[in-house]
Structures are given as structure tokens and as C-alpha cells.
Protein backbone atom coordinates (compact mmCIF):
# COMPACT_ATOMS: atom_id res chain seq x y z
CA UNK A 1 -13.77 -29.48 -39.38
CA UNK A 2 -13.08 -26.83 -41.98
CA UNK A 3 -15.21 -24.34 -40.12
CA UNK A 4 -13.31 -24.95 -36.87
CA UNK A 5 -9.95 -24.42 -38.54
CA UNK A 6 -11.23 -21.05 -39.68
CA UNK A 7 -12.99 -20.01 -36.44
CA UNK A 8 -10.12 -20.71 -34.03
CA UNK A 9 -7.56 -18.51 -35.81
CA UNK A 10 -10.16 -15.76 -35.99
CA UNK A 11 -10.92 -16.16 -32.28
CA UNK A 12 -7.25 -16.11 -31.28
CA UNK A 13 -6.67 -13.09 -33.50
CA UNK A 14 -9.58 -11.27 -31.86
CA UNK A 15 -8.25 -12.06 -28.37
CA UNK A 16 -4.78 -10.86 -29.33
CA UNK A 17 -6.26 -7.60 -30.58
CA UNK A 18 -8.25 -7.30 -27.35
CA UNK A 19 -5.16 -7.82 -25.17
CA UNK A 20 -3.16 -5.40 -27.32
CA UNK A 21 -5.98 -2.87 -27.11
CA UNK A 22 -6.10 -3.13 -23.31
CA UNK A 23 -2.35 -2.65 -23.09
CA UNK A 24 -2.50 0.41 -25.31
CA UNK A 25 -5.44 1.77 -23.33
CA UNK A 26 -3.45 1.33 -20.09
CA UNK A 27 -0.50 3.19 -21.59
CA UNK A 28 -2.73 6.05 -22.64
CA UNK A 29 -4.40 6.17 -19.22
CA UNK A 30 -1.01 6.11 -17.45
CA UNK A 31 0.21 9.01 -19.58
CA UNK A 32 -2.72 11.05 -18.25
CA UNK A 33 -2.87 9.94 -14.60
CA UNK A 34 0.92 9.44 -14.22
CA UNK A 35 0.72 6.69 -11.55
CA UNK A 36 3.79 6.12 -9.39
CA UNK A 37 5.93 2.99 -9.64
CA UNK A 38 4.26 1.39 -6.61
CA UNK A 39 0.80 1.79 -8.13
CA UNK A 40 1.95 0.17 -11.35
CA UNK A 41 3.63 -2.65 -9.40
CA UNK A 42 0.32 -3.37 -7.66
CA UNK A 43 -1.05 -4.63 -10.97
CA UNK A 44 1.25 -7.66 -10.69
CA UNK A 45 -0.78 -8.78 -7.66
CA UNK A 46 -4.33 -8.56 -9.00
CA UNK A 47 -4.86 -12.21 -8.04
CA UNK A 48 -2.77 -11.94 -4.83
CA UNK A 49 -3.89 -8.69 -3.16
CA UNK A 50 -2.89 -9.93 0.32
CA UNK A 51 0.76 -10.25 -0.77
CA UNK A 52 0.85 -6.65 -1.98
CA UNK A 53 -0.96 -5.42 1.14
CA UNK A 54 1.63 -7.10 3.38
CA UNK A 55 4.44 -5.58 1.31
CA UNK A 56 2.84 -2.12 1.57
CA UNK A 57 2.22 -2.51 5.32
CA UNK A 58 5.95 -3.03 5.93
CA UNK A 59 6.66 0.13 3.95
CA UNK A 60 4.21 2.14 6.06
CA UNK A 61 5.63 0.69 9.29
CA UNK A 62 9.16 1.61 8.23
CA UNK A 63 8.23 5.29 8.23
CA UNK A 64 8.46 5.01 12.02
CA UNK A 65 12.11 3.91 11.91
CA UNK A 66 14.54 6.53 13.20
CA UNK A 67 18.02 5.45 12.08
CA UNK A 68 20.19 8.45 11.16
CA UNK A 69 23.04 8.63 8.66
CA UNK A 70 25.40 11.23 7.23
CA UNK A 71 26.21 11.53 3.53
CA UNK A 72 27.93 9.98 1.76
CA UNK A 73 26.65 6.61 2.98
CA UNK A 74 27.18 3.10 1.65
CA UNK A 75 25.77 -0.24 2.70
CA UNK A 76 26.47 -3.69 1.30
CA UNK A 77 24.32 -6.76 1.89
CA UNK A 78 21.91 -9.25 0.41
CA UNK A 79 18.17 -9.09 -0.11
CA UNK A 80 16.65 -12.27 1.32
CA UNK A 81 13.63 -13.66 -0.53
CA UNK A 82 11.96 -14.77 2.71
CA UNK A 83 12.38 -11.41 4.48
CA UNK A 84 10.09 -8.47 3.69
CA UNK A 85 12.35 -5.56 4.61
CA UNK A 86 12.50 -1.80 3.98
CA UNK A 87 15.74 0.15 4.43
CA UNK A 88 14.84 3.46 6.09
CA UNK A 89 17.21 6.32 6.94
CA UNK A 90 16.90 9.86 8.29
CA UNK A 91 19.36 12.40 6.89
CA UNK A 92 19.87 16.16 6.81
CA UNK A 93 19.94 17.95 3.46
CA UNK A 94 20.88 21.58 2.89
CA UNK A 95 19.50 23.78 0.14
CA UNK A 96 22.04 23.75 -2.68
CA UNK A 97 22.86 20.04 -2.28
CA UNK A 98 21.60 17.31 -4.59
CA UNK A 99 20.85 13.88 -3.12
CA UNK A 100 21.67 10.93 -5.36
CA UNK A 101 20.48 7.47 -4.37
CA UNK A 102 21.23 4.27 -6.26
CA UNK A 103 21.03 0.54 -5.57
CA UNK A 104 23.41 -1.80 -7.36
CA UNK A 105 22.27 -5.43 -7.47
CA UNK A 106 23.02 -8.70 -9.25
CA UNK A 107 19.95 -8.59 -11.46
CA UNK A 108 18.60 -5.37 -12.92
CA UNK A 109 15.32 -7.21 -13.50
CA UNK A 110 14.61 -7.12 -9.77
CA UNK A 111 12.67 -3.94 -9.03
CA UNK A 112 13.78 -1.41 -6.41
CA UNK A 113 11.54 1.32 -5.02
CA UNK A 114 13.08 4.48 -3.50
CA UNK A 115 10.90 7.12 -1.82
CA UNK A 116 11.97 10.42 -0.24
CA UNK A 117 9.96 12.40 2.32
CA UNK A 118 10.50 15.82 3.84
CA UNK A 119 10.26 14.94 7.51
CA UNK A 120 9.37 16.87 10.66
CA UNK A 121 7.17 16.48 13.72
CA UNK A 122 4.35 18.36 12.01
CA UNK A 123 4.82 17.28 8.41
CA UNK A 124 5.58 14.05 6.55
CA UNK A 125 5.58 15.29 2.97
CA UNK A 126 6.31 12.99 0.02
CA UNK A 127 8.75 14.70 -2.36
CA UNK A 128 10.36 12.17 -4.72
CA UNK A 129 10.32 8.53 -5.85
CA UNK A 130 11.88 6.28 -8.45
CA UNK A 131 10.13 5.93 -11.77
CA UNK A 132 9.11 2.60 -13.25
CA UNK A 133 12.09 0.38 -14.17
CA UNK A 134 14.68 2.59 -12.47
CA UNK A 135 16.70 2.01 -9.30
CA UNK A 136 18.16 5.45 -8.74
CA UNK A 137 16.99 9.00 -8.12
CA UNK A 138 18.29 12.56 -7.95
CA UNK A 139 16.54 14.90 -5.57
CA UNK A 140 17.08 18.66 -5.16
CA UNK A 141 15.65 19.88 -1.83
CA UNK A 142 13.83 23.20 -1.86
CA UNK A 143 14.35 23.57 1.88
CA UNK A 144 17.13 22.71 4.32
CA UNK A 145 16.07 20.19 6.94
CA UNK A 146 15.43 16.56 7.84
CA UNK A 147 14.50 14.04 5.15
CA UNK A 148 13.66 10.35 5.23
CA UNK A 149 14.59 7.94 2.45
CA UNK A 150 13.03 4.48 2.18
CA UNK A 151 14.42 1.74 -0.07
CA UNK A 152 12.33 -1.38 -0.68
CA UNK A 153 13.07 -4.31 -3.01
CA UNK A 154 10.29 -6.12 -4.83
CA UNK A 155 8.53 -9.10 -3.25
CA UNK A 156 10.83 -12.12 -3.13
CA UNK A 157 13.99 -10.21 -4.14
CA UNK A 158 17.08 -12.41 -3.82
CA UNK A 159 20.19 -10.46 -4.74
CA UNK A 160 23.42 -9.00 -3.44
CA UNK A 161 23.14 -5.22 -3.23
CA UNK A 162 25.02 -2.03 -2.57
CA UNK A 163 23.16 1.09 -1.47
CA UNK A 164 24.97 4.30 -2.44
CA UNK A 165 23.65 7.57 -0.99
CA UNK A 166 25.70 10.56 -2.11
CA UNK A 167 25.37 14.31 -2.31
CA UNK A 168 26.75 16.72 -4.87
CA UNK A 169 26.57 20.49 -5.32
CA UNK A 170 23.75 21.94 -7.38
CA UNK A 171 26.15 24.31 -9.16
CA UNK A 172 29.44 24.01 -10.99
CA UNK A 173 32.51 25.34 -9.15
CA UNK A 174 32.89 29.03 -10.16
CA UNK A 175 36.69 29.25 -10.59
CA UNK A 176 38.21 27.16 -13.37
CA UNK A 177 40.62 24.47 -12.19
CA UNK A 178 39.94 25.09 -8.50
CA UNK A 179 38.00 23.24 -5.81
CA UNK A 180 37.16 23.18 -2.11
CA UNK A 181 40.72 23.93 -0.97
CA UNK A 182 40.63 27.33 -2.68
CA UNK A 183 37.76 28.50 -0.44
CA UNK A 184 39.48 30.39 2.38
CA UNK A 185 36.86 32.81 3.65
CA UNK A 186 33.37 31.66 4.55
CA UNK A 187 29.83 32.84 5.13
CA UNK A 188 29.41 34.84 8.33
CA UNK A 189 33.07 35.82 8.80
CA UNK A 190 33.42 39.22 10.52
CA UNK A 191 34.06 42.24 8.27
CA UNK A 192 34.93 45.89 9.02
CA UNK A 193 35.67 45.24 12.70
CA UNK A 194 32.32 43.59 13.32
CA UNK A 195 30.16 46.15 11.49
CA UNK A 196 29.02 43.51 9.02
CA UNK A 197 29.40 39.84 8.24
CA UNK A 198 30.57 38.13 5.08
CA UNK A 199 27.61 37.33 2.80
CA UNK A 200 29.36 34.86 0.57
CA UNK A 201 32.57 32.86 0.18
CA UNK A 202 35.98 33.91 -1.16
CA UNK A 203 37.77 31.61 -3.61
CA UNK A 204 41.47 32.41 -4.02
CA UNK A 205 43.33 31.94 -7.30
CA UNK A 206 45.94 33.65 -9.46
CA UNK A 207 44.92 36.89 -11.12
CA UNK A 208 43.51 36.11 -14.55
CA UNK A 209 42.13 32.68 -13.69
CA UNK A 210 38.80 32.25 -15.55
CA UNK A 211 35.59 32.70 -13.56
CA UNK A 212 32.81 30.56 -15.04
CA UNK A 213 29.03 30.47 -14.89
CA UNK A 214 27.92 27.97 -12.27
CA UNK A 215 24.56 27.30 -13.96
CA UNK A 216 22.60 28.07 -17.11
CA UNK A 217 20.99 31.50 -17.06
CA UNK A 218 21.05 35.13 -18.16
CA UNK A 219 23.50 37.89 -17.30
CA UNK A 220 21.36 40.52 -15.63
CA UNK A 221 24.03 43.14 -14.90
CA UNK A 222 27.75 43.85 -15.20
CA UNK A 223 29.90 46.79 -14.18
CA UNK A 224 32.51 48.33 -11.92
CA UNK A 225 30.81 49.58 -8.78
CA UNK A 226 30.94 49.68 -5.00
CA UNK A 227 32.64 47.17 -2.73
CA UNK A 228 32.53 44.41 -5.34
CA UNK A 229 34.52 46.32 -7.97
CA UNK A 230 34.23 44.70 -11.38
CA UNK A 231 31.29 42.32 -11.06
CA UNK A 232 28.81 40.13 -12.90
CA UNK A 233 25.25 39.30 -11.84
CA UNK A 234 23.48 36.24 -13.23
CA UNK A 235 19.88 35.05 -13.00
CA UNK A 236 19.29 31.28 -13.12
CA UNK A 237 15.57 31.66 -13.84
CA UNK A 238 12.69 34.12 -13.78
CA UNK A 239 12.02 33.66 -10.05
CA UNK A 240 15.19 31.76 -9.17
CA UNK A 241 18.52 32.71 -7.61
CA UNK A 242 20.60 35.78 -8.41
CA UNK A 243 24.30 34.90 -8.49
CA UNK A 244 27.03 37.44 -7.76
CA UNK A 245 30.65 37.23 -9.00
CA UNK A 246 32.81 40.08 -7.64
CA UNK A 247 36.34 41.56 -7.50
CA UNK A 248 37.00 40.53 -11.12
CA UNK A 249 40.14 41.76 -12.88
CA UNK A 250 38.13 42.04 -16.09
CA UNK A 251 34.69 41.14 -17.40
CA UNK A 252 34.24 38.88 -20.46
CA UNK A 253 30.45 38.93 -20.90
CA UNK A 254 27.78 41.49 -21.71
CA UNK A 255 24.60 42.22 -19.82
CA UNK A 256 21.65 40.33 -21.31
CA UNK A 257 23.77 37.46 -22.62
CA UNK A 258 22.53 33.87 -22.29
CA UNK A 259 25.12 31.57 -20.70
CA UNK A 260 25.60 27.89 -20.06
CA UNK A 261 27.32 26.39 -17.02
CA UNK A 262 31.06 26.59 -17.63
CA UNK A 263 31.01 29.67 -19.88
CA UNK A 264 33.68 32.26 -18.98
CA UNK A 265 32.25 35.39 -17.36
CA UNK A 266 35.47 37.15 -16.39
CA UNK A 267 38.79 36.68 -14.63
CA UNK A 268 39.89 36.60 -11.00
CA UNK A 269 41.20 39.89 -9.65
CA UNK A 270 41.12 42.14 -6.58
CA UNK A 271 39.08 45.18 -7.64
CA UNK A 272 36.74 47.12 -5.35
CA UNK A 273 37.48 46.86 -1.64
CA UNK A 274 39.75 43.83 -2.27
CA UNK A 275 42.63 45.89 -3.69
CA UNK A 276 44.81 45.19 -0.63
CA UNK A 277 44.10 41.43 -0.55
CA UNK A 278 45.37 38.59 -2.75
CA UNK A 279 43.32 38.02 -5.92
CA UNK A 280 40.12 36.10 -5.30
CA UNK A 281 36.51 35.72 -6.37
CA UNK A 282 33.80 36.79 -3.98
CA UNK A 283 30.90 34.43 -4.78
CA UNK A 284 27.42 35.12 -3.46
CA UNK A 285 23.85 33.92 -3.94
CA UNK A 286 20.74 36.01 -3.35
CA UNK A 287 17.34 34.39 -3.07
CA UNK A 288 14.36 36.70 -3.68
CA UNK A 289 12.92 38.26 -0.53
CA UNK A 290 15.20 36.08 1.63
CA UNK A 291 18.30 37.97 0.56
CA UNK A 292 21.78 36.49 0.72
CA UNK A 293 22.12 32.77 1.52
CA UNK A 294 25.20 30.69 2.27
CA UNK A 295 26.55 29.65 -1.15
CA UNK A 296 28.90 26.95 0.16
CA UNK A 297 26.50 23.96 -0.19
CA UNK A 298 25.77 25.01 -3.80
CA UNK A 299 29.42 24.51 -4.89
CA UNK A 300 31.13 22.33 -2.24
CA UNK A 301 32.22 19.05 -3.81
CA UNK A 302 32.03 15.70 -1.98
CA UNK A 303 33.74 12.54 -3.25
CA UNK A 304 31.33 9.76 -4.20
CA UNK A 305 31.56 6.41 -2.47
CA UNK A 306 32.26 3.14 -4.26
CA UNK A 307 31.18 -0.42 -3.45
CA UNK A 308 34.84 -1.47 -3.70
CA UNK A 309 35.60 0.10 -0.31
CA UNK A 310 32.79 -1.81 1.46
CA UNK A 311 32.73 -5.46 2.51
CA UNK A 312 30.60 -8.12 4.18
CA UNK A 313 31.99 -9.96 7.20
CA UNK A 314 29.12 -12.45 7.42
CA UNK A 315 27.70 -14.89 4.88
CA UNK A 316 24.69 -15.85 6.95
CA UNK A 317 21.94 -13.27 7.49
CA UNK A 318 20.90 -14.82 10.81
CA UNK A 319 23.22 -13.75 13.63
CA UNK A 320 23.33 -13.71 17.42
CA UNK A 321 24.94 -11.51 20.04
CA UNK A 322 28.45 -12.69 20.86
CA UNK A 323 28.79 -11.30 24.40
CA UNK A 324 26.48 -10.89 27.39
CA UNK A 325 25.10 -7.48 26.45
CA UNK A 326 25.44 -4.86 23.69
CA UNK A 327 24.04 -1.43 22.94
CA UNK A 328 22.08 -0.74 19.80
CA UNK A 329 22.80 2.60 18.13
CA UNK A 330 20.79 5.09 16.09
CA UNK A 331 23.86 6.01 14.01
CA UNK A 332 26.70 3.75 12.79
CA UNK A 333 29.24 5.15 15.23
CA UNK A 334 30.45 4.55 18.78
CA UNK A 335 28.95 7.81 20.02
CA UNK A 336 25.64 7.13 18.32
CA UNK A 337 22.46 7.54 20.36
CA UNK A 338 21.53 4.37 22.23
CA UNK A 339 18.13 3.04 21.10
CA UNK A 340 18.12 -0.32 22.87
CA UNK A 341 20.24 -3.26 23.87
CA UNK A 342 20.73 -6.95 23.15
CA UNK A 343 21.26 -9.74 25.67
CA UNK A 344 23.35 -12.91 25.43
CA UNK A 345 22.56 -15.15 22.42
CA UNK A 346 19.71 -12.90 21.31
CA UNK A 347 18.92 -13.53 17.63
CA UNK A 348 19.09 -10.79 15.01
CA UNK A 349 18.70 -10.49 11.24
CA UNK A 350 21.54 -8.90 9.28
CA UNK A 351 20.18 -6.38 6.79
CA UNK A 352 23.51 -4.98 5.61
CA UNK A 353 26.92 -3.67 6.62
CA UNK A 354 28.35 -0.15 6.48
CA UNK A 355 32.09 -0.17 7.19
CA UNK A 356 32.48 -1.69 10.71
CA UNK A 357 28.80 -1.45 11.58
CA UNK A 358 25.96 -3.88 11.00
CA UNK A 359 22.48 -2.74 10.07
CA UNK A 360 20.30 -5.23 11.96
CA UNK A 361 16.72 -6.03 12.86
CA UNK A 362 15.80 -7.59 16.21
CA UNK A 363 13.19 -10.26 16.93
CA UNK A 364 10.84 -7.39 17.86
CA UNK A 365 11.43 -5.80 14.41
CA UNK A 366 13.50 -2.92 15.79
CA UNK A 367 16.15 -1.70 13.37
CA UNK A 368 19.48 -0.42 14.66
CA UNK A 369 23.23 -0.37 14.15
CA UNK A 370 25.50 -2.84 15.97
CA UNK A 371 29.29 -3.01 15.81
CA UNK A 372 30.42 -6.04 13.81
CA UNK A 373 32.70 -7.25 16.64
CA UNK A 374 29.63 -7.93 18.80
CA UNK A 375 27.89 -10.38 16.48
CA UNK A 376 28.46 -14.02 15.51
CA UNK A 377 26.89 -16.29 12.92
CA UNK A 378 24.41 -18.93 14.03
CA UNK A 379 25.80 -22.34 13.10
């Protein structure tokens, strides 16, 4: 008996060390291989591989969905434990914009997986995903174009949710105290009777208003020269954008200086060829061999959406068509592209609601938008 009382504690201690060692080994391995959140989640199903395979199959199938949205976009609903669903949206992003995606839910313990793909007929390129134990991402597109975002809750998720998809500018606004309304001349506007076009935007403000750095970087050049008059040039990185601030009344920074976003570079004026116009900042961005690019998306500010302005009109997630026939839409709007139709009493699953539109799934697993007035709860 005495021997057994000694052996068992030793055995349990050895097993605890073994488990601890395995856990530490896994952490070390993960730090080297950097597996994505889905790969790590798969470990929870070592004894139930079929469950994970079914969950993954729905994710792969959802890449074929073609619903389109515009940002900002919000959707409120409830994850249903018995429904294995992926929320998939196509959206257009422009270089200079930052996509932010977040999912609010009742329990932060329930995992959410968000994946972003750069999408075209010839390429389906993975570009971003949530990390382990996070439910939000920020993505900066390198190219303007079509992207697909997929949002998938963990197996058996049972929670109210709000999906918030927003966009914000990559850069800080360049004129202190001003915003979108101060931009009164845009990219491509005709100049010199059609001899050239405007390669930037003009932001109007009182003479002497501070002009600030839009991003961290280095001042590459300053001076009083040419059409731009008193001007400052900034580099945001070794091979990154060159930013141009022109028509300044005075310059407050030296060439070679390191600056942080928000640092004062100079003050609004009308020097150079702007001497007969109201004071304003000409703001431009030049991108390597590409030359000038439209700077508007880099600084244009969009208000973020809030769950408070969204509601649910249905408590039950199983609905039916109210009338004799209804069109299904690709976008949540009356003029949205028709992608199918429902007939009288046809059953649908409610995935969520965005303003007056329902995000639904048909009995044939087609996802679409349907106006809320056309659906009724099954009693």
C-alpha cells in the first residue's frame, strides 16, 4: 500500500509534465510554422474529423456565393446552432482605403473566422484572415478591385450577432480641422483649357491653417518652385508613396526631417500658380513608376455604422414567402440584380437583416436578399 501511494503521485506528476511538454512543444512549433486560425481550430476535432470536414466544406462552397454589398455595411441576426452557415459578400475596395470587419456577439468565447480574398475570374487569392481568438480584422488592399469576405462562426455557435463592415482612409486628413466638405476640386478636373488634367485634390481653408503630415515618413524635399509654389514632399517608406503638399503660404519643416502623422509641415496659402485663387492645399500622391494616383480614397472619411441603427423584424429564423411570388436580389436594394425568385409559401432560412432587407437562404441553399415586407414567420 505504501508503494502505491508513492507510485501514483509520481505517475500523475510524470503525465502532467508530459502534457505540459506537449503544449509547450506545440507553441514552439506554431511560432515557427505560423498556422492560421482554421488550422488551429481543427485540433479541437481530432476525434471528430467528419464534423470539421463538413464545416470546411460549407466554407469552400460559400466561395461560389455572389452577393454584393457596398461599404459601410451592417447586418444583425442570430447564429443558429443547428445551421452550418457562412456569410459571404463581394465588395469593391480602392487602393488607399482600409477595410475593417468586426463581429459583435453575445459571447466572446464563441470563435469567429473572417477570411478575405482578392477576387477575379482568373484569380482567387487569399489575402487576410483573423488571428486566433480575435473576431475582427483590418485589411489594406494593395490593388483596387473586387474582394470577397467570408465570415463563419464556430461549429454549434448560438449567439446574437452584428456584422460591421466599414472602410476608413489609410491616411490622416492633411488640413487641420477640415474634412470631406473642404475638398472642392477633384482628380481629373480640366486645367489650362484642357491642356492638362488635375493630378490631385484641392482642399480649401483659410490662409495660415496648419497642413499636417498624413502618415509617418521622411521629408524628402521642400522649396518654392514651379506651379506648386511653396511645397513639401514626403516619403512614407523606401519604396512607398511620395506625397506632395503644394501652394503653402509658408513651410515649417526641413528637408530630411522625420515626421509622424499629424506633425505640422506648413500652412495653407496660394503660392505658385494659385495666386489668383482662394487659399487651398493641393494634395497629391505619386506611386513609383505609376506616377500620380487619385489621392481621394487615401483621405476621404466615411462614418462608421453602429448596431444601434439596425434591427430584427423576426424572432424565428424559419420564414416563408408571404405573397404568390417574389424576386431574390444580389444586392440589398430594389434595383439589385435578380438572381432568382420564390413562389407562394416557399420556405427560407433567415440569416440576418440589413435595414429593410433580409439575408436569406433557400431550400436549395441559394443565398440572396429579400425585402422584409415579402416574408412571414412560420407558426
